[in-house]
PDB file of N, CA and C in Angstrom:
ATOM      1  N   MET A   1     188.532 -91.163 -10.788  1.00  0.00           N
ATOM      2  CA  MET A   1     187.490 -90.282 -10.620  1.00  0.00           C
ATOM      3  C   MET A   1     187.815 -89.271  -9.552  1.00  0.00           C
ATOM      4  N   ILE A   2     187.332 -88.033  -9.562  1.00  0.00           N
ATOM      5  CA  ILE A   2     187.522 -86.985  -8.503  1.00  0.00           C
ATOM      6  C   ILE A   2     186.100 -87.038  -7.753  1.00  0.00           C
ATOM      7  N   ASN A   3     186.090 -86.936  -6.437  1.00  0.00           N
ATOM      8  CA  ASN A   3     184.977 -86.837  -5.714  1.00  0.00           C
ATOM      9  C   ASN A   3     185.112 -85.596  -4.777  1.00  0.00           C
ATOM     10  N   ARG A   4     184.260 -84.815  -5.028  1.00  0.00           N
ATOM     11  CA  ARG A   4     184.181 -83.378  -4.403  1.00  0.00           C
ATOM     12  C   ARG A   4     183.067 -83.483  -3.446  1.00  0.00           C
ATOM     13  N   ARG A   5     183.202 -82.962  -2.056  1.00  0.00           N
ATOM     14  CA  ARG A   5     182.308 -82.836  -0.992  1.00  0.00           C
ATOM     15  C   ARG A   5     182.384 -81.323  -0.378  1.00  0.00           C
ATOM     16  N   GLU A   6     181.307 -81.004   0.321  1.00  0.00           N
ATOM     17  CA  GLU A   6     181.268 -79.743   1.349  1.00  0.00           C
ATOM     18  C   GLU A   6     181.453 -78.643   0.371  1.00  0.00           C
ATOM     19  N   ASN A   7     180.530 -78.571  -0.357  1.00  0.00           N
ATOM     20  CA  ASN A   7     180.456 -77.184  -1.479  1.00  0.00           C
ATOM     21  C   ASN A   7     180.262 -76.253  -0.597  1.00  0.00           C
ATOM     22  N   THR A   8     180.999 -75.061  -0.829  1.00  0.00           N
ATOM     23  CA  THR A   8     180.979 -73.770  -0.192  1.00  0.00           C
ATOM     24  C   THR A   8     180.727 -72.605  -1.488  1.00  0.00           C
ATOM     25  N   PRO A   9     180.535 -71.625  -1.007  1.00  0.00           N
ATOM     26  CA  PRO A   9     180.448 -70.627  -2.470  1.00  0.00           C
ATOM     27  C   PRO A   9     181.638 -70.144  -3.397  1.00  0.00           C
ATOM     28  N   ILE A  10     182.770 -70.727  -2.551  1.00  0.00           N
ATOM     29  CA  ILE A  10     184.274 -70.469  -3.547  1.00  0.00           C
ATOM     30  C   ILE A  10     184.969 -71.915  -3.922  1.00  0.00           C
ATOM     31  N   MET A  11     184.550 -72.968  -2.961  1.00  0.00           N
ATOM     32  CA  MET A  11     185.175 -74.116  -3.204  1.00  0.00           C
ATOM     33  C   MET A  11     184.592 -75.261  -2.789  1.00  0.00           C
ATOM     34  N   HIS A  12     185.138 -76.728  -2.889  1.00  0.00           N
ATOM     35  CA  HIS A  12     184.810 -77.839  -1.985  1.00  0.00           C
ATOM     36  C   HIS A  12     185.969 -77.774  -0.841  1.00  0.00           C
ATOM     37  N   ARG A  13     185.197 -78.148   0.439  1.00  0.00           N
ATOM     38  CA  ARG A  13     185.911 -78.308   1.386  1.00  0.00           C
ATOM     39  C   ARG A  13     186.681 -79.386   1.497  1.00  0.00           C
ATOM     40  N   VAL A  14     186.469 -80.734   0.651  1.00  0.00           N
ATOM     41  CA  VAL A  14     187.180 -81.876   0.463  1.00  0.00           C
ATOM     42  C   VAL A  14     187.017 -82.211  -1.045  1.00  0.00           C
ATOM     43  N   VAL A  15     188.290 -82.713  -1.494  1.00  0.00           N
ATOM     44  CA  VAL A  15     188.423 -82.966  -2.724  1.00  0.00           C
ATOM     45  C   VAL A  15     189.057 -84.711  -2.545  1.00  0.00           C
ATOM     46  N   GLU A  16     188.604 -85.696  -3.177  1.00  0.00           N
ATOM     47  CA  GLU A  16     189.172 -86.958  -3.121  1.00  0.00           C
ATOM     48  C   GLU A  16     189.593 -87.601  -4.612  1.00  0.00           C
ATOM     49  N   HIS A  17     190.945 -87.751  -4.684  1.00  0.00           N
ATOM     50  CA  HIS A  17     191.289 -88.206  -5.592  1.00  0.00           C
ATOM     51  C   HIS A  17     192.363 -89.546  -5.734  1.00  0.00           C
ATOM     52  N   ASN A  18     192.142 -90.837  -5.997  1.00  0.00           N
ATOM     53  CA  ASN A  18     193.076 -91.741  -5.923  1.00  0.00           C
ATOM     54  C   ASN A  18     193.451 -92.217  -4.776  1.00  0.00           C
ATOM     55  N   GLY A  19     192.777 -92.006  -3.763  1.00  0.00           N
ATOM     56  CA  GLY A  19     192.835 -92.448  -2.275  1.00  0.00           C
ATOM     57  C   GLY A  19     193.546 -91.211  -1.448  1.00  0.00           C
ATOM     58  N   VAL A  20     193.775 -90.144  -2.368  1.00  0.00           N
ATOM     59  CA  VAL A  20     194.250 -88.928  -1.445  1.00  0.00           C
ATOM     60  C   VAL A  20     193.212 -87.923  -1.274  1.00  0.00           C
ATOM     61  N   VAL A  21     193.043 -87.345   0.028  1.00  0.00           N
ATOM     62  CA  VAL A  21     192.190 -86.381   0.401  1.00  0.00           C
ATOM     63  C   VAL A  21     192.820 -85.031   0.630  1.00  0.00           C
ATOM     64  N   TYR A  22     192.117 -83.886  -0.024  1.00  0.00           N
ATOM     65  CA  TYR A  22     192.926 -82.571   0.135  1.00  0.00           C
ATOM     66  C   TYR A  22     191.702 -82.156   0.795  1.00  0.00           C
ATOM     67  N   LEU A  23     192.008 -80.909   1.869  1.00  0.00           N
ATOM     68  CA  LEU A  23     191.132 -80.388   2.532  1.00  0.00           C
ATOM     69  C   LEU A  23     191.472 -79.004   2.714  1.00  0.00           C
ATOM     70  N   GLY A  24     190.562 -77.920   1.958  1.00  0.00           N
ATOM     71  CA  GLY A  24     190.864 -76.537   1.975  1.00  0.00           C
ATOM     72  C   GLY A  24     190.977 -76.091   3.102  1.00  0.00           C
ATOM     73  N   GLY A  25     191.181 -74.803   3.319  1.00  0.00           N
ATOM     74  CA  GLY A  25     191.517 -73.814   4.500  1.00  0.00           C
ATOM     75  C   GLY A  25     190.355 -74.109   5.557  1.00  0.00           C
ATOM     76  N   VAL A  26     190.656 -74.545   6.599  1.00  0.00           N
ATOM     77  CA  VAL A  26     189.971 -74.692   7.647  1.00  0.00           C
ATOM     78  C   VAL A  26     190.153 -73.605   8.670  1.00  0.00           C
ATOM     79  N   ILE A  27     189.069 -72.934   9.123  1.00  0.00           N
ATOM     80  CA  ILE A  27     189.179 -72.145  10.293  1.00  0.00           C
ATOM     81  C   ILE A  27     188.143 -72.419  11.424  1.00  0.00           C
ATOM     82  N   ALA A  28     188.388 -71.749  12.753  1.00  0.00           N
ATOM     83  CA  ALA A  28     187.566 -71.942  13.920  1.00  0.00           C
ATOM     84  C   ALA A  28     186.280 -71.385  13.487  1.00  0.00           C
ATOM     85  N   ASP A  29     185.161 -72.100  13.856  1.00  0.00           N
ATOM     86  CA  ASP A  29     183.692 -71.567  13.857  1.00  0.00           C
ATOM     87  C   ASP A  29     183.475 -70.217  14.675  1.00  0.00           C
ATOM     88  N   ASP A  30     184.252 -70.201  15.957  1.00  0.00           N
ATOM     89  CA  ASP A  30     184.141 -68.987  16.849  1.00  0.00           C
ATOM     90  C   ASP A  30     185.487 -68.482  17.034  1.00  0.00           C
ATOM     91  N   VAL A  31     185.644 -67.159  16.472  1.00  0.00           N
ATOM     92  CA  VAL A  31     186.904 -66.528  16.550  1.00  0.00           C
ATOM     93  C   VAL A  31     186.940 -65.326  17.421  1.00  0.00           C
ATOM     94  N   ASN A  32     185.598 -65.033  17.491  1.00  0.00           N
ATOM     95  CA  ASN A  32     185.419 -63.356  18.398  1.00  0.00           C
ATOM     96  C   ASN A  32     186.075 -63.539  19.566  1.00  0.00           C
ATOM     97  N   GLY A  33     187.393 -62.961  19.705  1.00  0.00           N
ATOM     98  CA  GLY A  33     188.006 -62.861  20.825  1.00  0.00           C
ATOM     99  C   GLY A  33     188.467 -64.080  21.836  1.00  0.00           C
ATOM    100  N   VAL A  34     188.817 -65.035  20.478  1.00  0.00           N
ATOM    101  CA  VAL A  34     189.342 -66.673  21.130  1.00  0.00           C
ATOM    102  C   VAL A  34     190.476 -66.757  20.977  1.00  0.00           C
ATOM    103  N   SER A  35     191.393 -67.241  21.608  1.00  0.00           N
ATOM    104  CA  SER A  35     192.612 -67.425  21.730  1.00  0.00           C
ATOM    105  C   SER A  35     193.327 -68.173  20.611  1.00  0.00           C
ATOM    106  N   MET A  36     194.531 -68.060  20.279  1.00  0.00           N
ATOM    107  CA  MET A  36     195.345 -69.013  19.290  1.00  0.00           C
ATOM    108  C   MET A  36     194.869 -70.377  19.797  1.00  0.00           C
ATOM    109  N   SER A  37     195.424 -70.540  20.979  1.00  0.00           N
ATOM    110  CA  SER A  37     195.058 -72.172  21.343  1.00  0.00           C
ATOM    111  C   SER A  37     193.745 -72.512  21.243  1.00  0.00           C
ATOM    112  N   GLU A  38     192.731 -71.955  21.725  1.00  0.00           N
ATOM    113  CA  GLU A  38     191.230 -72.242  21.315  1.00  0.00           C
ATOM    114  C   GLU A  38     191.007 -72.293  19.876  1.00  0.00           C
ATOM    115  N   GLN A  39     191.471 -71.426  19.063  1.00  0.00           N
ATOM    116  CA  GLN A  39     191.154 -71.590  17.452  1.00  0.00           C
ATOM    117  C   GLN A  39     191.937 -72.977  17.266  1.00  0.00           C
ATOM    118  N   THR A  40     192.876 -73.161  17.553  1.00  0.00           N
ATOM    119  CA  THR A  40     193.396 -74.269  16.945  1.00  0.00           C
ATOM    120  C   THR A  40     192.790 -75.465  17.292  1.00  0.00           C
ATOM    121  N   LYS A  41     192.332 -75.808  18.620  1.00  0.00           N
ATOM    122  CA  LYS A  41     191.376 -76.715  19.028  1.00  0.00           C
ATOM    123  C   LYS A  41     190.436 -76.660  18.451  1.00  0.00           C
ATOM    124  N   GLN A  42     189.601 -75.948  17.935  1.00  0.00           N
ATOM    125  CA  GLN A  42     188.572 -75.748  17.159  1.00  0.00           C
ATOM    126  C   GLN A  42     188.961 -76.319  15.769  1.00  0.00           C
ATOM    127  N   VAL A  43     190.114 -75.922  15.008  1.00  0.00           N
ATOM    128  CA  VAL A  43     190.417 -76.373  13.699  1.00  0.00           C
ATOM    129  C   VAL A  43     190.489 -77.825  13.722  1.00  0.00           C
ATOM    130  N   CYS A  44     191.199 -78.463  14.929  1.00  0.00           N
ATOM    131  CA  CYS A  44     191.563 -79.669  15.108  1.00  0.00           C
ATOM    132  C   CYS A  44     190.442 -80.565  15.193  1.00  0.00           C
ATOM    133  N   ALA A  45     189.328 -79.932  15.766  1.00  0.00           N
ATOM    134  CA  ALA A  45     188.203 -81.067  16.041  1.00  0.00           C
ATOM    135  C   ALA A  45     187.241 -80.942  14.596  1.00  0.00           C
ATOM    136  N   LYS A  46     187.499 -79.654  13.940  1.00  0.00           N
ATOM    137  CA  LYS A  46     186.884 -79.896  12.410  1.00  0.00           C
ATOM    138  C   LYS A  46     187.499 -80.605  11.464  1.00  0.00           C
ATOM    139  N   LEU A  47     189.012 -80.767  11.599  1.00  0.00           N
ATOM    140  CA  LEU A  47     189.623 -81.647  10.484  1.00  0.00           C
ATOM    141  C   LEU A  47     189.198 -83.099  11.104  1.00  0.00           C
ATOM    142  N   ASP A  48     189.176 -83.447  12.334  1.00  0.00           N
ATOM    143  CA  ASP A  48     188.969 -84.803  12.921  1.00  0.00           C
ATOM    144  C   ASP A  48     187.456 -85.294  11.947  1.00  0.00           C
ATOM    145  N   LYS A  49     186.558 -84.249  12.069  1.00  0.00           N
ATOM    146  CA  LYS A  49     185.117 -84.527  11.547  1.00  0.00           C
ATOM    147  C   LYS A  49     185.164 -84.558  10.057  1.00  0.00           C
ATOM    148  N   LEU A  50     186.058 -83.804   9.477  1.00  0.00           N
ATOM    149  CA  LEU A  50     185.819 -83.873   7.954  1.00  0.00           C
ATOM    150  C   LEU A  50     186.702 -84.969   7.519  1.00  0.00           C
ATOM    151  N   LEU A  51     187.741 -85.298   8.181  1.00  0.00           N
ATOM    152  CA  LEU A  51     188.471 -86.657   7.489  1.00  0.00           C
ATOM    153  C   LEU A  51     187.515 -87.870   7.785  1.00  0.00           C
ATOM    154  N   ALA A  52     187.032 -87.821   9.013  1.00  0.00           N
ATOM    155  CA  ALA A  52     185.973 -88.841   9.331  1.00  0.00           C
ATOM    156  C   ALA A  52     184.951 -89.310   8.404  1.00  0.00           C
ATOM    157  N   GLY A  53     184.572 -88.072   7.686  1.00  0.00           N
ATOM    158  CA  GLY A  53     183.457 -88.123   6.676  1.00  0.00           C
ATOM    159  C   GLY A  53     183.862 -88.559   5.504  1.00  0.00           C
ATOM    160  N   VAL A  54     185.250 -89.031   5.086  1.00  0.00           N
ATOM    161  CA  VAL A  54     185.414 -89.585   3.964  1.00  0.00           C
ATOM    162  C   VAL A  54     186.624 -90.965   4.438  1.00  0.00           C
ATOM    163  N   GLY A  55     186.341 -91.320   5.477  1.00  0.00           N
ATOM    164  CA  GLY A  55     186.815 -92.676   5.763  1.00  0.00           C
ATOM    165  C   GLY A  55     188.439 -92.722   6.047  1.00  0.00           C
ATOM    166  N   SER A  56     188.827 -91.487   6.796  1.00  0.00           N
ATOM    167  CA  SER A  56     190.195 -91.129   7.073  1.00  0.00           C
ATOM    168  C   SER A  56     190.286 -90.708   8.560  1.00  0.00           C
ATOM    169  N   ASP A  57     191.351 -90.502   8.782  1.00  0.00           N
ATOM    170  CA  ASP A  57     191.377 -89.771  10.206  1.00  0.00           C
ATOM    171  C   ASP A  57     193.155 -89.122  10.303  1.00  0.00           C
ATOM    172  N   LYS A  58     193.354 -88.422  11.571  1.00  0.00           N
ATOM    173  CA  LYS A  58     194.340 -87.722  11.980  1.00  0.00           C
ATOM    174  C   LYS A  58     195.562 -88.458  11.699  1.00  0.00           C
ATOM    175  N   SER A  59     195.725 -89.487  11.840  1.00  0.00           N
ATOM    176  CA  SER A  59     196.711 -90.379  11.623  1.00  0.00           C
ATOM    177  C   SER A  59     197.508 -90.755  10.414  1.00  0.00           C
ATOM    178  N   LYS A  60     196.401 -90.386   9.329  1.00  0.00           N
ATOM    179  CA  LYS A  60     196.719 -90.563   8.004  1.00  0.00           C
ATOM    180  C   LYS A  60     196.918 -89.309   7.192  1.00  0.00           C
ATOM    181  N   LEU A  61     197.359 -88.232   7.970  1.00  0.00           N
ATOM    182  CA  LEU A  61     197.857 -86.949   7.658  1.00  0.00           C
ATOM    183  C   LEU A  61     198.939 -86.959   6.739  1.00  0.00           C
ATOM    184  N   ILE A  62     199.366 -86.579   5.670  1.00  0.00           N
ATOM    185  CA  ILE A  62     200.664 -86.459   5.118  1.00  0.00           C
ATOM    186  C   ILE A  62     201.410 -85.285   5.009  1.00  0.00           C
ATOM    187  N   SER A  63     200.643 -84.402   4.979  1.00  0.00           N
ATOM    188  CA  SER A  63     201.110 -82.989   4.926  1.00  0.00           C
ATOM    189  C   SER A  63     199.886 -81.928   5.415  1.00  0.00           C
ATOM    190  N   ALA A  64     200.603 -80.894   5.993  1.00  0.00           N
ATOM    191  CA  ALA A  64     199.915 -79.627   6.630  1.00  0.00           C
ATOM    192  C   ALA A  64     200.656 -78.534   6.194  1.00  0.00           C
ATOM    193  N   THR A  65     199.621 -77.415   6.008  1.00  0.00           N
ATOM    194  CA  THR A  65     200.236 -76.211   5.867  1.00  0.00           C
ATOM    195  C   THR A  65     199.552 -75.068   6.866  1.00  0.00           C
ATOM    196  N   LEU A  66     199.902 -74.584   7.939  1.00  0.00           N
ATOM    197  CA  LEU A  66     199.219 -73.781   8.706  1.00  0.00           C
ATOM    198  C   LEU A  66     199.703 -72.476   8.646  1.00  0.00           C
ATOM    199  N   TYR A  67     198.840 -71.710   8.559  1.00  0.00           N
ATOM    200  CA  TYR A  67     198.799 -69.890   8.050  1.00  0.00           C
ATOM    201  C   TYR A  67     198.285 -69.376   9.675  1.00  0.00           C
ATOM    202  N   ILE A  68     199.325 -68.702  10.179  1.00  0.00           N
ATOM    203  CA  ILE A  68     199.098 -67.802  11.287  1.00  0.00           C
ATOM    204  C   ILE A  68     199.407 -66.343  11.318  1.00  0.00           C
ATOM    205  N   THR A  69     198.664 -65.522  11.776  1.00  0.00           N
ATOM    206  CA  THR A  69     198.601 -64.079  11.609  1.00  0.00           C
ATOM    207  C   THR A  69     199.426 -63.752  12.732  1.00  0.00           C
ATOM    208  N   ASP A  70     200.220 -64.544  13.591  1.00  0.00           N
ATOM    209  CA  ASP A  70     200.896 -63.747  14.513  1.00  0.00           C
ATOM    210  C   ASP A  70     201.887 -64.928  15.062  1.00  0.00           C
ATOM    211  N   MET A  71     203.457 -64.896  14.412  1.00  0.00           N
ATOM    212  CA  MET A  71     204.332 -65.945  14.543  1.00  0.00           C
ATOM    213  C   MET A  71     204.667 -66.048  16.024  1.00  0.00           C
ATOM    214  N   ASP A  72     204.564 -64.861  16.838  1.00  0.00           N
ATOM    215  CA  ASP A  72     204.730 -64.815  18.427  1.00  0.00           C
ATOM    216  C   ASP A  72     203.949 -65.864  18.984  1.00  0.00           C
ATOM    217  N   GLN A  73     202.808 -66.363  18.441  1.00  0.00           N
ATOM    218  CA  GLN A  73     201.879 -67.358  18.952  1.00  0.00           C
ATOM    219  C   GLN A  73     202.067 -68.727  18.534  1.00  0.00           C
ATOM    220  N   LYS A  74     203.069 -68.711  17.644  1.00  0.00           N
ATOM    221  CA  LYS A  74     203.342 -70.199  17.050  1.00  0.00           C
ATOM    222  C   LYS A  74     203.552 -71.228  18.125  1.00  0.00           C
ATOM    223  N   GLN A  75     204.124 -70.927  19.276  1.00  0.00           N
ATOM    224  CA  GLN A  75     204.599 -72.220  20.277  1.00  0.00           C
ATOM    225  C   GLN A  75     203.020 -72.226  20.870  1.00  0.00           C
ATOM    226  N   GLU A  76     202.301 -71.286  20.899  1.00  0.00           N
ATOM    227  CA  GLU A  76     200.752 -71.934  21.504  1.00  0.00           C
ATOM    228  C   GLU A  76     200.305 -72.728  20.464  1.00  0.00           C
ATOM    229  N   MET A  77     200.255 -72.157  19.324  1.00  0.00           N
ATOM    230  CA  MET A  77     199.658 -73.200  18.235  1.00  0.00           C
ATOM    231  C   MET A  77     200.454 -74.473  18.395  1.00  0.00           C
ATOM    232  N   ASN A  78     201.605 -74.667  18.343  1.00  0.00           N
ATOM    233  CA  ASN A  78     202.348 -75.964  18.518  1.00  0.00           C
ATOM    234  C   ASN A  78     201.978 -76.980  19.579  1.00  0.00           C
ATOM    235  N   GLY A  79     201.849 -76.327  20.606  1.00  0.00           N
ATOM    236  CA  GLY A  79     201.273 -76.842  21.604  1.00  0.00           C
ATOM    237  C   GLY A  79     199.985 -77.724  21.633  1.00  0.00           C
ATOM    238  N   VAL A  80     199.063 -77.151  20.982  1.00  0.00           N
ATOM    239  CA  VAL A  80     197.845 -77.738  20.525  1.00  0.00           C
ATOM    240  C   VAL A  80     198.038 -78.811  19.470  1.00  0.00           C
ATOM    241  N   TRP A  81     198.964 -78.612  18.458  1.00  0.00           N
ATOM    242  CA  TRP A  81     199.029 -79.142  17.442  1.00  0.00           C
ATOM    243  C   TRP A  81     199.492 -80.593  17.806  1.00  0.00           C
ATOM    244  N   THR A  82     200.579 -80.422  18.662  1.00  0.00           N
ATOM    245  CA  THR A  82     201.304 -81.902  19.008  1.00  0.00           C
ATOM    246  C   THR A  82     200.675 -82.492  19.899  1.00  0.00           C
ATOM    247  N   SER A  83     199.463 -81.775  20.796  1.00  0.00           N
ATOM    248  CA  SER A  83     198.828 -82.679  21.746  1.00  0.00           C
ATOM    249  C   SER A  83     197.678 -83.493  21.051  1.00  0.00           C
ATOM    250  N   TRP A  84     197.488 -82.862  19.869  1.00  0.00           N
ATOM    251  CA  TRP A  84     196.189 -83.746  18.918  1.00  0.00           C
ATOM    252  C   TRP A  84     196.797 -84.898  18.300  1.00  0.00           C
ATOM    253  N   LEU A  85     197.860 -84.676  17.714  1.00  0.00           N
ATOM    254  CA  LEU A  85     198.509 -86.000  17.054  1.00  0.00           C
ATOM    255  C   LEU A  85     199.623 -86.625  17.585  1.00  0.00           C
ATOM    256  N   GLU A  86     199.543 -87.939  17.577  1.00  0.00           N
ATOM    257  CA  GLU A  86     200.673 -88.586  18.132  1.00  0.00           C
ATOM    258  C   GLU A  86     201.948 -88.512  17.351  1.00  0.00           C
ATOM    259  N   ALA A  87     203.057 -88.276  17.997  1.00  0.00           N
ATOM    260  CA  ALA A  87     204.363 -88.302  17.332  1.00  0.00           C
ATOM    261  C   ALA A  87     204.587 -88.989  16.014  1.00  0.00           C
ATOM    262  N   GLN A  88     204.422 -90.151  16.087  1.00  0.00           N
ATOM    263  CA  GLN A  88     204.525 -90.885  14.853  1.00  0.00           C
ATOM    264  C   GLN A  88     203.749 -90.751  13.811  1.00  0.00           C
ATOM    265  N   ASP A  89     202.709 -90.031  13.894  1.00  0.00           N
ATOM    266  CA  ASP A  89     201.806 -89.446  13.055  1.00  0.00           C
ATOM    267  C   ASP A  89     202.068 -87.968  12.520  1.00  0.00           C
ATOM    268  N   LEU A  90     202.952 -87.288  13.059  1.00  0.00           N
ATOM    269  CA  LEU A  90     203.295 -86.017  12.512  1.00  0.00           C
ATOM    270  C   LEU A  90     203.423 -85.824  11.035  1.00  0.00           C
ATOM    271  N   PRO A  91     202.572 -85.045  10.340  1.00  0.00           N
ATOM    272  CA  PRO A  91     202.687 -84.905   8.737  1.00  0.00           C
ATOM    273  C   PRO A  91     203.881 -83.956   8.426  1.00  0.00           C
ATOM    274  N   ALA A  92     204.189 -84.222   7.089  1.00  0.00           N
ATOM    275  CA  ALA A  92     205.155 -82.969   6.661  1.00  0.00           C
ATOM    276  C   ALA A  92     204.609 -81.757   6.684  1.00  0.00           C
ATOM    277  N   ARG A  93     205.034 -80.808   7.444  1.00  0.00           N
ATOM    278  CA  ARG A  93     204.317 -79.327   7.829  1.00  0.00           C
ATOM    279  C   ARG A  93     204.982 -78.057   7.378  1.00  0.00           C
ATOM    280  N   ALA A  94     204.364 -77.096   7.107  1.00  0.00           N
ATOM    281  CA  ALA A  94     204.931 -75.540   7.005  1.00  0.00           C
ATOM    282  C   ALA A  94     203.996 -74.696   7.632  1.00  0.00           C
ATOM    283  N   THR A  95     204.528 -73.948   8.405  1.00  0.00           N
ATOM    284  CA  THR A  95     203.763 -72.902   9.195  1.00  0.00           C
ATOM    285  C   THR A  95     204.247 -71.491   8.435  1.00  0.00           C
ATOM    286  N   ILE A  96     203.347 -70.700   7.905  1.00  0.00           N
ATOM    287  CA  ILE A  96     203.513 -69.730   7.378  1.00  0.00           C
ATOM    288  C   ILE A  96     202.834 -68.279   8.057  1.00  0.00           C
ATOM    289  N   GLY A  97     203.684 -67.144   8.343  1.00  0.00           N
ATOM    290  CA  GLY A  97     202.980 -66.075   8.904  1.00  0.00           C
ATOM    291  C   GLY A  97     202.412 -65.325   7.867  1.00  0.00           C
ATOM    292  N   VAL A  98     201.258 -64.688   8.015  1.00  0.00           N
ATOM    293  CA  VAL A  98     200.407 -64.179   7.132  1.00  0.00           C
ATOM    294  C   VAL A  98     199.964 -62.953   7.825  1.00  0.00           C
ATOM    295  N   SER A  99     199.731 -61.610   7.167  1.00  0.00           N
ATOM    296  CA  SER A  99     199.222 -60.268   7.664  1.00  0.00           C
ATOM    297  C   SER A  99     197.672 -60.460   7.898  1.00  0.00           C
ATOM    298  N   ASP A 100     196.740 -61.077   7.358  1.00  0.00           N
ATOM    299  CA  ASP A 100     195.413 -61.291   7.560  1.00  0.00           C
ATOM    300  C   ASP A 100     194.877 -62.651   6.994  1.00  0.00           C
ATOM    301  N   LEU A 101     193.784 -63.247   7.840  1.00  0.00           N
ATOM    302  CA  LEU A 101     193.113 -64.175   7.633  1.00  0.00           C
ATOM    303  C   LEU A 101     191.649 -64.011   7.494  1.00  0.00           C
ATOM    304  N   GLY A 102     191.255 -62.867   7.723  1.00  0.00           N
ATOM    305  CA  GLY A 102     189.865 -62.268   7.995  1.00  0.00           C
ATOM    306  C   GLY A 102     189.593 -61.688   9.502  1.00  0.00           C
ATOM    307  N   LYS A 103     188.658 -61.200   9.848  1.00  0.00           N
ATOM    308  CA  LYS A 103     188.420 -60.789  11.156  1.00  0.00           C
ATOM    309  C   LYS A 103     188.589 -61.549  12.306  1.00  0.00           C
ATOM    310  N   ASP A 104     189.390 -61.485  13.050  1.00  0.00           N
ATOM    311  CA  ASP A 104     189.693 -62.090  14.327  1.00  0.00           C
ATOM    312  C   ASP A 104     190.494 -63.543  14.191  1.00  0.00           C
ATOM    313  N   VAL A 105     190.490 -64.011  12.798  1.00  0.00           N
ATOM    314  CA  VAL A 105     190.873 -65.166  12.376  1.00  0.00           C
ATOM    315  C   VAL A 105     192.360 -65.383  12.433  1.00  0.00           C
ATOM    316  N   LEU A 106     192.970 -66.243  13.592  1.00  0.00           N
ATOM    317  CA  LEU A 106     194.356 -66.181  13.967  1.00  0.00           C
ATOM    318  C   LEU A 106     195.017 -67.406  13.184  1.00  0.00           C
ATOM    319  N   ILE A 107     194.318 -68.437  12.766  1.00  0.00           N
ATOM    320  CA  ILE A 107     194.850 -69.559  11.964  1.00  0.00           C
ATOM    321  C   ILE A 107     193.967 -70.294  11.028  1.00  0.00           C
ATOM    322  N   GLU A 108     194.795 -70.487   9.917  1.00  0.00           N
ATOM    323  CA  GLU A 108     193.848 -71.363   8.859  1.00  0.00           C
ATOM    324  C   GLU A 108     194.753 -72.515   8.563  1.00  0.00           C
ATOM    325  N   VAL A 109     194.375 -73.853   8.365  1.00  0.00           N
ATOM    326  CA  VAL A 109     194.903 -74.831   8.057  1.00  0.00           C
ATOM    327  C   VAL A 109     194.541 -75.877   6.940  1.00  0.00           C
ATOM    328  N   VAL A 110     195.338 -76.190   5.964  1.00  0.00           N
ATOM    329  CA  VAL A 110     194.831 -76.872   4.785  1.00  0.00           C
ATOM    330  C   VAL A 110     195.763 -78.273   5.076  1.00  0.00           C
ATOM    331  N   VAL A 111     195.177 -79.362   4.667  1.00  0.00           N
ATOM    332  CA  VAL A 111     196.336 -80.497   4.846  1.00  0.00           C
ATOM    333  C   VAL A 111     195.610 -81.584   3.816  1.00  0.00           C
ATOM    334  N   THR A 112     196.609 -82.555   3.860  1.00  0.00           N
ATOM    335  CA  THR A 112     196.225 -83.630   2.537  1.00  0.00           C
ATOM    336  C   THR A 112     196.384 -84.876   3.331  1.00  0.00           C
ATOM    337  N   ALA A 113     195.465 -85.955   3.377  1.00  0.00           N
ATOM    338  CA  ALA A 113     195.563 -86.996   4.094  1.00  0.00           C
ATOM    339  C   ALA A 113     195.334 -88.197   3.084  1.00  0.00           C
ATOM    340  N   VAL A 114     195.333 -89.602   3.281  1.00  0.00           N
ATOM    341  CA  VAL A 114     195.147 -90.570   2.530  1.00  0.00           C
ATOM    342  C   VAL A 114     193.980 -91.404   3.201  1.00  0.00           C
ATOM    343  N   VAL A 115     193.452 -92.027   2.487  1.00  0.00           N
ATOM    344  CA  VAL A 115     192.122 -92.703   2.806  1.00  0.00           C
ATOM    345  C   VAL A 115     192.498 -94.037   3.618  1.00  0.00           C
TER     346      VAL A 115
END
């Protein structure tokens, strides 16, 4: 059975199937003039909330794809990411540089976790 949650006009934010949870692209709520580290902190907080809503948490992440608009800010983003996660819980991950994620959006994160 497929369980879909958090319906938006273009997708479901969370889709669960066979104990695996797929989270669609998550961005910060406040992006206007906000730094990469602050946007990353907001994204991590949203991920915590979304994962908790399906009975999971950040320790159960199995993969992550991070899209960022400025690779020069990757270390800043990494600092927040690695302080949010315990070293033993780091998922498989890719960081991809993109030209545009929307006005003032610096980072978008897609993750997969288990319940």
